[in-house]
C-alpha atoms as a PDB file:
ATOM      1  CA  MET A   1      -0.070  -0.200   0.142  1.00  0.00           C
ATOM      2  CA  ALA A   2       1.184   3.512  -0.598  1.00  0.00           C
ATOM      3  CA  TRP A   3      -0.110   7.121   0.623  1.00  0.00           C
ATOM      4  CA  PHE A   4      -1.594   9.523  -1.717  1.00  0.00           C
ATOM      5  CA  ARG A   5      -2.210  13.397  -1.585  1.00  0.00           C
ATOM      6  CA  ILE A   6      -5.342  14.038  -3.249  1.00  0.00           C
ATOM      7  CA  PHE A   7      -6.163  17.622  -3.841  1.00  0.00           C
ATOM      8  CA  ILE A   8     -10.098  18.083  -4.223  1.00  0.00           C
ATOM      9  CA  ARG A   9     -12.645  20.791  -5.160  1.00  0.00           C
ATOM     10  CA  GLY A  10     -16.232  20.981  -4.225  1.00  0.00           C
ATOM     11  CA  ASP A  11     -18.842  22.868  -5.784  1.00  0.00           C
ATOM     12  CA  ASN A  12     -22.608  23.658  -5.530  1.00  0.00           C
ATOM     13  CA  PHE A  13     -22.655  23.059  -1.546  1.00  0.00           C
ATOM     14  CA  LEU A  14     -25.451  24.876   0.633  1.00  0.00           C
ATOM     15  CA  LEU A  15     -23.681  26.437   3.493  1.00  0.00           C
ATOM     16  CA  GLN A  16     -24.899  29.280   5.974  1.00  0.00           C
ATOM     17  CA  ASP A  17     -23.056  32.430   5.240  1.00  0.00           C
ATOM     18  CA  PRO A  18     -21.499  33.267   8.636  1.00  0.00           C
ATOM     19  CA  GLY A  19     -22.090  37.021   8.193  1.00  0.00           C
ATOM     20  CA  THR A  20     -25.363  36.984   6.894  1.00  0.00           C
ATOM     21  CA  ARG A  21     -26.706  33.745   7.977  1.00  0.00           C
ATOM     22  CA  GLU A  22     -27.950  33.195   4.326  1.00  0.00           C
ATOM     23  CA  ILE A  23     -27.787  29.724   2.872  1.00  0.00           C
ATOM     24  CA  LYS A  24     -25.813  30.241  -0.235  1.00  0.00           C
ATOM     25  CA  ARG A  25     -23.857  28.124  -2.834  1.00  0.00           C
ATOM     26  CA  HIS A  26     -20.387  27.305  -1.541  1.00  0.00           C
ATOM     27  CA  GLY A  27     -17.165  25.658  -3.115  1.00  0.00           C
ATOM     28  CA  PHE A  28     -14.355  24.737  -1.401  1.00  0.00           C
ATOM     29  CA  TYR A  29     -10.775  23.175  -1.886  1.00  0.00           C
ATOM     30  CA  THR A  30      -9.083  20.590   0.655  1.00  0.00           C
ATOM     31  CA  THR A  31      -6.495  18.152   0.760  1.00  0.00           C
ATOM     32  CA  ARG A  32      -6.742  14.577   2.075  1.00  0.00           C
ATOM     33  CA  PHE A  33      -4.104  11.821   2.629  1.00  0.00           C
ATOM     34  CA  VAL A  34      -4.972   8.345   2.074  1.00  0.00           C
ATOM     35  CA  GLU A  35      -3.302   5.183   1.949  1.00  0.00           C
ATOM     36  CA  ALA A  36      -4.398   2.993  -0.883  1.00  0.00           C
ATOM     37  CA  LEU A  37      -3.274   0.312  -3.357  1.00  0.00           C
ATOM     38  CA  ALA A  38      -3.358   2.588  -6.509  1.00  0.00           C
ATOM     39  CA  PRO A  39      -4.410   6.478  -7.247  1.00  0.00           C
ATOM     40  CA  GLU A  40      -8.078   5.306  -8.370  1.00  0.00           C
ATOM     41  CA  SER A  41      -8.810   3.612  -5.340  1.00  0.00           C
ATOM     42  CA  ALA A  42      -7.133   6.689  -3.310  1.00  0.00           C
ATOM     43  CA  GLU A  43      -9.759   8.764  -4.928  1.00  0.00           C
ATOM     44  CA  GLU A  44     -12.554   6.910  -4.341  1.00  0.00           C
ATOM     45  CA  ILE A  45     -11.648   6.568  -0.564  1.00  0.00           C
ATOM     46  CA  ALA A  46     -10.992  10.578  -0.491  1.00  0.00           C
ATOM     47  CA  VAL A  47     -14.135  11.546  -2.037  1.00  0.00           C
ATOM     48  CA  ALA A  48     -16.175   8.979   0.339  1.00  0.00           C
ATOM     49  CA  HIS A  49     -14.283  10.576   3.398  1.00  0.00           C
ATOM     50  CA  ILE A  50     -15.477  13.963   2.254  1.00  0.00           C
ATOM     51  CA  ARG A  51     -19.076  12.962   1.817  1.00  0.00           C
ATOM     52  CA  ALA A  52     -18.914  11.673   5.080  1.00  0.00           C
ATOM     53  CA  ASP A  53     -17.318  14.292   6.757  1.00  0.00           C
ATOM     54  CA  PRO A  54     -19.889  15.959   9.587  1.00  0.00           C
ATOM     55  CA  LYS A  55     -18.488  19.615   8.529  1.00  0.00           C
ATOM     56  CA  LEU A  56     -20.613  18.986   5.472  1.00  0.00           C
ATOM     57  CA  GLU A  57     -23.632  17.515   7.088  1.00  0.00           C
ATOM     58  CA  GLY A  58     -26.792  19.141   5.979  1.00  0.00           C
ATOM     59  CA  CYS A  59     -24.899  20.728   3.038  1.00  0.00           C
ATOM     60  CA  PHE A  60     -26.388  18.056   0.438  1.00  0.00           C
ATOM     61  CA  LEU A  61     -29.957  19.597   0.209  1.00  0.00           C
ATOM     62  CA  ASP A  62     -30.837  19.516  -3.332  1.00  0.00           C
ATOM     63  CA  GLN A  63     -29.250  16.145  -4.740  1.00  0.00           C
ATOM     64  CA  GLN A  64     -32.155  15.116  -6.891  1.00  0.00           C
ATOM     65  CA  THR A  65     -32.198  18.248  -9.285  1.00  0.00           C
ATOM     66  CA  ASP A  66     -28.882  20.397  -8.460  1.00  0.00           C
ATOM     67  CA  PRO A  67     -26.534  18.195  -6.632  1.00  0.00           C
ATOM     68  CA  PRO A  68     -23.133  19.000  -5.078  1.00  0.00           C
ATOM     69  CA  VAL A  69     -19.873  18.140  -7.200  1.00  0.00           C
ATOM     70  CA  ILE A  70     -16.859  16.650  -5.540  1.00  0.00           C
ATOM     71  CA  SER A  71     -14.021  16.320  -7.993  1.00  0.00           C
ATOM     72  CA  VAL A  72     -10.147  15.286  -7.599  1.00  0.00           C
ATOM     73  CA  GLU A  73      -7.894  18.003  -9.322  1.00  0.00           C
ATOM     74  CA  GLU A  74      -4.785  16.411  -8.329  1.00  0.00           C
ATOM     75  CA  ILE A  75      -3.431  13.091  -6.938  1.00  0.00           C
ATOM     76  CA  GLU A  76       0.253  12.523  -5.932  1.00  0.00           C
ATOM     77  CA  GLU A  77       1.896   9.544  -4.286  1.00  0.00           C
ATOM     78  CA  VAL A  78       4.078  10.682  -1.197  1.00  0.00           C
ATOM     79  CA  SER A  79       5.805   9.305   1.634  1.00  0.00           C
ATOM     80  CA  GLU A  80       4.421   8.433   5.237  1.00  0.00           C
ATOM     81  CA  ALA A  81       6.572  11.176   6.784  1.00  0.00           C
ATOM     82  CA  ASP A  82       4.553  13.897   4.328  1.00  0.00           C
ATOM     83  CA  VAL A  83       1.265  12.778   5.993  1.00  0.00           C
ATOM     84  CA  PRO A  84      -0.162  15.024   8.586  1.00  0.00           C
ATOM     85  CA  PRO A  85      -0.866  13.550  12.131  1.00  0.00           C
ATOM     86  CA  THR A  86      -4.685  15.168  11.524  1.00  0.00           C
ATOM     87  CA  SER A  87      -7.122  15.790   8.733  1.00  0.00           C
ATOM     88  CA  LEU A  88      -6.890  19.286   7.051  1.00  0.00           C
ATOM     89  CA  GLY A  89      -9.873  21.632   6.736  1.00  0.00           C
ATOM     90  CA  PHE A  90     -11.744  23.175   3.906  1.00  0.00           C
ATOM     91  CA  ALA A  91     -11.054  26.473   2.560  1.00  0.00           C
ATOM     92  CA  TYR A  92     -14.698  27.800   1.342  1.00  0.00           C
ATOM     93  CA  PHE A  93     -15.621  30.330  -1.230  1.00  0.00           C
ATOM     94  CA  VAL A  94     -19.132  31.840  -2.310  1.00  0.00           C
ATOM     95  CA  GLU A  95     -19.672  30.635  -5.888  1.00  0.00           C
ATOM     96  CA  ASP A  96     -20.672  33.288  -8.563  1.00  0.00           C
ATOM     97  CA  GLY A  97     -24.399  34.263  -9.064  1.00  0.00           C
ATOM     98  CA  ASP A  98     -25.357  33.879  -5.158  1.00  0.00           C
END
C-alpha cells in the first residue's frame, strides 16, 4: 500500500454564510491523505471521506435536481513522513451568482 495526497474541489454546496446567516452556494478546496493500493482507489476513498465529513452535514440539500459536485484535481503519491497527523480543513468560497 502507498500513501496519496489528493487535492479536491467541491462545488454547489449549500452552506450558511457566517456573516449574513443566509444559505448560499459555496465551493471548497481541501487536501486529504489516504493509504491505498492505487491512485484510483485513493480517489474513491478520499471522496467517500469528504461525503461523510460532519462539517458538510446538511450541505447536500438539493441532490435530485442540482447535486453538489466533488472532483479530484490532483493525486500524488507521497511518503508516509509527509502525511500530517490530523485531517486538514476546508477553504470555502462563495460561488458566482449567489
